[in-house]
Amino acid sequence: LPSTVRRALTGVRHVALALVRGDALAVHPAVWGTGFKLDVGAGLVPPAATPACVAVDRHVEGEPSARAGLLLEGTVDSGFQFRPSRAVWWDGLSVGSAELREPTSASGIVLPD
């Protein structure tokens, strides 16, 4: 993951959570918590191992080349514990992707350089 993307997204906790619900995709606002935990508010409870994506994006108004973001693909359980398996990032007009290793601790995922 490019350092410019890491710096642009540092401290961003409000994300979009997309869940596969039957034949549809449901998108909800969420907040990153400690240890890959997502806070989505009351009401929504997905089954274990629900396919999911978490997206975060930061841009400067009117400057597409200043946009940076990250999409994490994986699964979420009924307690909203997210398990990422793939990362896709963008930095202006540059994009990249990588498979992720299973996290060994709740302190953070290991994103490739």
Protein backbone atom coordinates (compact mmCIF):
# COMPACT_ATOMS: atom_id res chain seq x y z
CA LEU A 1 0.00 0.00 0.00
CA PRO A 2 1.59 3.29 -1.03
CA SER A 3 2.62 5.55 1.84
CA THR A 4 0.64 8.42 0.27
CA VAL A 5 -2.57 6.38 0.63
CA ARG A 6 -1.68 5.41 4.21
CA ARG A 7 -1.08 9.05 5.14
CA ALA A 8 -4.24 10.27 3.38
CA LEU A 9 -6.42 7.77 5.28
CA THR A 10 -4.75 8.01 8.69
CA GLY A 11 -7.38 8.67 11.35
CA VAL A 12 -10.36 8.14 9.04
CA ARG A 13 -12.86 5.99 10.96
CA HIS A 14 -16.13 6.59 9.07
CA VAL A 15 -16.45 4.01 6.31
CA ALA A 16 -19.01 2.41 4.02
CA LEU A 17 -19.84 -1.24 4.71
CA ALA A 18 -21.32 -3.28 1.86
CA LEU A 19 -22.91 -6.65 2.73
CA VAL A 20 -24.23 -9.35 0.43
CA ARG A 21 -27.86 -9.92 1.48
CA GLY A 22 -29.41 -12.66 -0.64
CA ASP A 23 -29.28 -11.47 -4.25
CA ALA A 24 -28.72 -7.84 -3.28
CA LEU A 25 -25.96 -5.64 -1.94
CA ALA A 26 -26.80 -3.53 1.13
CA VAL A 27 -24.57 -0.54 1.93
CA HIS A 28 -24.46 0.95 5.44
CA PRO A 29 -22.43 3.67 7.12
CA ALA A 30 -20.08 2.27 9.77
CA VAL A 31 -17.31 3.33 12.11
CA TRP A 32 -14.05 1.41 12.51
CA GLY A 33 -13.42 0.25 16.06
CA THR A 34 -10.58 -1.61 17.70
CA GLY A 35 -9.60 -5.00 16.31
CA PHE A 36 -11.46 -4.84 12.97
CA LYS A 37 -14.77 -4.30 14.78
CA LEU A 38 -17.35 -2.20 12.94
CA ASP A 39 -20.06 -0.15 14.65
CA VAL A 40 -23.16 0.06 12.46
CA GLY A 41 -25.82 0.98 14.99
CA ALA A 42 -28.87 -1.04 15.97
CA GLY A 43 -30.97 -3.40 13.89
CA LEU A 44 -28.62 -5.01 11.41
CA VAL A 45 -27.27 -8.49 12.30
CA PRO A 46 -25.59 -10.42 9.45
CA PRO A 47 -25.08 -14.19 9.56
CA ALA A 48 -21.56 -15.48 10.23
CA ALA A 49 -19.11 -15.28 7.30
CA THR A 50 -21.25 -12.80 5.33
CA PRO A 51 -19.28 -11.54 2.29
CA ALA A 52 -18.51 -7.86 2.85
CA CYS A 53 -16.45 -4.89 1.70
CA VAL A 54 -15.33 -1.86 3.65
CA ALA A 55 -14.51 1.29 1.70
CA VAL A 56 -12.92 4.56 2.75
CA ASP A 57 -12.14 7.46 0.45
CA ARG A 58 -10.62 10.90 0.87
CA HIS A 59 -10.55 13.54 -1.82
CA VAL A 60 -10.06 17.25 -2.39
CA GLU A 61 -13.07 18.95 -3.98
CA GLY A 62 -12.47 19.52 -7.68
CA GLU A 63 -9.17 17.63 -7.68
CA PRO A 64 -9.63 14.02 -8.89
CA SER A 65 -5.87 13.51 -8.85
CA ALA A 66 -5.86 14.21 -5.07
CA ARG A 67 -8.31 11.37 -4.32
CA ALA A 68 -7.05 8.41 -2.28
CA GLY A 69 -8.91 5.40 -0.96
CA LEU A 70 -8.99 1.81 0.13
CA LEU A 71 -11.47 -1.03 -0.41
CA LEU A 72 -11.07 -4.10 1.79
CA GLU A 73 -12.82 -7.31 0.73
CA GLY A 74 -13.57 -10.09 3.20
CA THR A 75 -16.26 -11.36 5.54
CA VAL A 76 -18.07 -10.08 8.60
CA ASP A 77 -19.69 -12.07 11.41
CA SER A 78 -22.80 -11.38 13.50
CA GLY A 79 -20.71 -9.30 15.94
CA PHE A 80 -19.40 -7.17 13.05
CA GLN A 81 -15.89 -8.53 13.32
CA PHE A 82 -14.41 -7.91 9.86
CA ARG A 83 -11.94 -10.40 8.35
CA PRO A 84 -10.18 -8.80 5.37
CA SER A 85 -8.73 -10.97 2.62
CA ARG A 86 -7.94 -8.52 -0.21
CA ALA A 87 -7.11 -4.81 -0.52
CA VAL A 88 -7.64 -2.50 -3.47
CA TRP A 89 -6.33 1.06 -3.25
CA TRP A 90 -6.24 4.16 -5.38
CA ASP A 91 -4.11 7.29 -5.29
CA GLY A 92 -5.13 9.80 -7.90
CA LEU A 93 -5.08 7.85 -11.16
CA SER A 94 -2.88 5.03 -9.82
CA VAL A 95 -4.47 1.82 -8.53
CA GLY A 96 -3.23 -1.41 -7.01
CA SER A 97 -4.42 -4.53 -5.23
CA ALA A 98 -3.06 -7.36 -3.08
CA GLU A 99 -4.16 -10.42 -1.16
CA LEU A 100 -3.89 -9.98 2.63
CA ARG A 101 -2.55 -12.34 5.26
CA GLU A 102 -4.87 -13.44 8.06
CA PRO A 103 -4.37 -11.00 10.97
CA THR A 104 -2.44 -12.48 13.88
CA SER A 105 -3.60 -9.83 16.34
CA ALA A 106 -6.34 -7.26 16.78
CA SER A 107 -3.84 -4.41 16.44
CA GLY A 108 -4.14 -4.12 12.67
CA ILE A 109 -3.94 -5.77 9.31
CA VAL A 110 -0.69 -6.04 7.43
CA LEU A 111 -1.00 -4.11 4.19
CA PRO A 112 1.74 -4.79 1.64
CA ASP A 113 4.06 -1.97 0.57
